[in-house]
């Protein structure tokens, strides 16, 4: 028999509802030295995604 996951999200429905508001954003960033792309990952609230992607870095 498989073990159950013991997380706070499964126990508390309020936390589960709040966790659905977060998004993983992956951004491709070009290296000025080599020209190769690297990827930056970030977890953020879904309301801040457009602002994050609008930044030029």
C-alpha atoms as a PDB file:
ATOM      1  CA  UNK A   1       0.000   0.000   0.000  1.00  0.00           C
ATOM      2  CA  UNK A   2       1.377   3.418  -0.962  1.00  0.00           C
ATOM      3  CA  UNK A   3       2.109   6.101   1.596  1.00  0.00           C
ATOM      4  CA  UNK A   4       0.024   9.250   1.627  1.00  0.00           C
ATOM      5  CA  UNK A   5       1.631  12.623   1.097  1.00  0.00           C
ATOM      6  CA  UNK A   6       1.795  14.585   4.324  1.00  0.00           C
ATOM      7  CA  UNK A   7       1.558  18.194   3.297  1.00  0.00           C
ATOM      8  CA  UNK A   8      -0.193  21.152   4.814  1.00  0.00           C
ATOM      9  CA  UNK A   9      -1.917  21.874   1.499  1.00  0.00           C
ATOM     10  CA  UNK A  10      -3.848  18.612   1.520  1.00  0.00           C
ATOM     11  CA  UNK A  11      -4.963  19.122   5.126  1.00  0.00           C
ATOM     12  CA  UNK A  12      -6.098  22.738   4.852  1.00  0.00           C
ATOM     13  CA  UNK A  13      -8.488  23.637   1.996  1.00  0.00           C
ATOM     14  CA  UNK A  14      -7.784  27.348   2.509  1.00  0.00           C
ATOM     15  CA  UNK A  15      -4.065  26.810   1.756  1.00  0.00           C
ATOM     16  CA  UNK A  16      -4.943  24.675  -1.264  1.00  0.00           C
ATOM     17  CA  UNK A  17      -7.058  27.487  -2.703  1.00  0.00           C
ATOM     18  CA  UNK A  18      -4.242  30.006  -2.169  1.00  0.00           C
ATOM     19  CA  UNK A  19      -1.649  27.700  -3.774  1.00  0.00           C
ATOM     20  CA  UNK A  20      -3.622  27.739  -7.020  1.00  0.00           C
ATOM     21  CA  UNK A  21      -2.862  31.455  -7.369  1.00  0.00           C
ATOM     22  CA  UNK A  22       0.872  30.839  -7.868  1.00  0.00           C
ATOM     23  CA  UNK A  23       2.548  30.216 -11.219  1.00  0.00           C
ATOM     24  CA  UNK A  24       5.973  28.978 -12.264  1.00  0.00           C
ATOM     25  CA  UNK A  25       7.472  31.419 -14.774  1.00  0.00           C
ATOM     26  CA  UNK A  26      10.383  30.380 -16.997  1.00  0.00           C
ATOM     27  CA  UNK A  27      12.244  33.127 -18.816  1.00  0.00           C
ATOM     28  CA  UNK A  28      14.947  32.733 -21.482  1.00  0.00           C
ATOM     29  CA  UNK A  29      17.890  35.077 -20.933  1.00  0.00           C
ATOM     30  CA  UNK A  30      20.645  35.513 -23.512  1.00  0.00           C
ATOM     31  CA  UNK A  31      24.206  35.630 -22.209  1.00  0.00           C
ATOM     32  CA  UNK A  32      26.081  38.705 -23.489  1.00  0.00           C
ATOM     33  CA  UNK A  33      29.394  36.845 -23.313  1.00  0.00           C
ATOM     34  CA  UNK A  34      28.595  33.670 -25.268  1.00  0.00           C
ATOM     35  CA  UNK A  35      25.239  34.405 -26.876  1.00  0.00           C
ATOM     36  CA  UNK A  36      23.777  31.196 -25.443  1.00  0.00           C
ATOM     37  CA  UNK A  37      20.406  31.164 -23.735  1.00  0.00           C
ATOM     38  CA  UNK A  38      19.937  30.300 -20.073  1.00  0.00           C
ATOM     39  CA  UNK A  39      16.644  29.894 -18.299  1.00  0.00           C
ATOM     40  CA  UNK A  40      15.568  31.657 -15.124  1.00  0.00           C
ATOM     41  CA  UNK A  41      12.734  30.105 -13.131  1.00  0.00           C
ATOM     42  CA  UNK A  42      10.603  31.863 -10.537  1.00  0.00           C
ATOM     43  CA  UNK A  43       7.472  31.082  -8.537  1.00  0.00           C
ATOM     44  CA  UNK A  44       5.217  34.084  -8.182  1.00  0.00           C
ATOM     45  CA  UNK A  45       1.648  35.188  -7.708  1.00  0.00           C
ATOM     46  CA  UNK A  46      -0.326  35.131 -10.940  1.00  0.00           C
ATOM     47  CA  UNK A  47      -1.026  38.882 -10.723  1.00  0.00           C
ATOM     48  CA  UNK A  48       2.702  39.727 -10.928  1.00  0.00           C
ATOM     49  CA  UNK A  49       3.572  37.632 -14.004  1.00  0.00           C
ATOM     50  CA  UNK A  50       3.035  40.370 -16.605  1.00  0.00           C
ATOM     51  CA  UNK A  51       5.190  42.825 -14.654  1.00  0.00           C
ATOM     52  CA  UNK A  52       7.974  40.239 -14.336  1.00  0.00           C
ATOM     53  CA  UNK A  53       7.968  39.425 -18.047  1.00  0.00           C
ATOM     54  CA  UNK A  54       7.900  43.120 -18.980  1.00  0.00           C
ATOM     55  CA  UNK A  55      11.243  43.713 -17.223  1.00  0.00           C
ATOM     56  CA  UNK A  56      14.247  43.836 -19.523  1.00  0.00           C
ATOM     57  CA  UNK A  57      17.176  42.098 -17.863  1.00  0.00           C
END
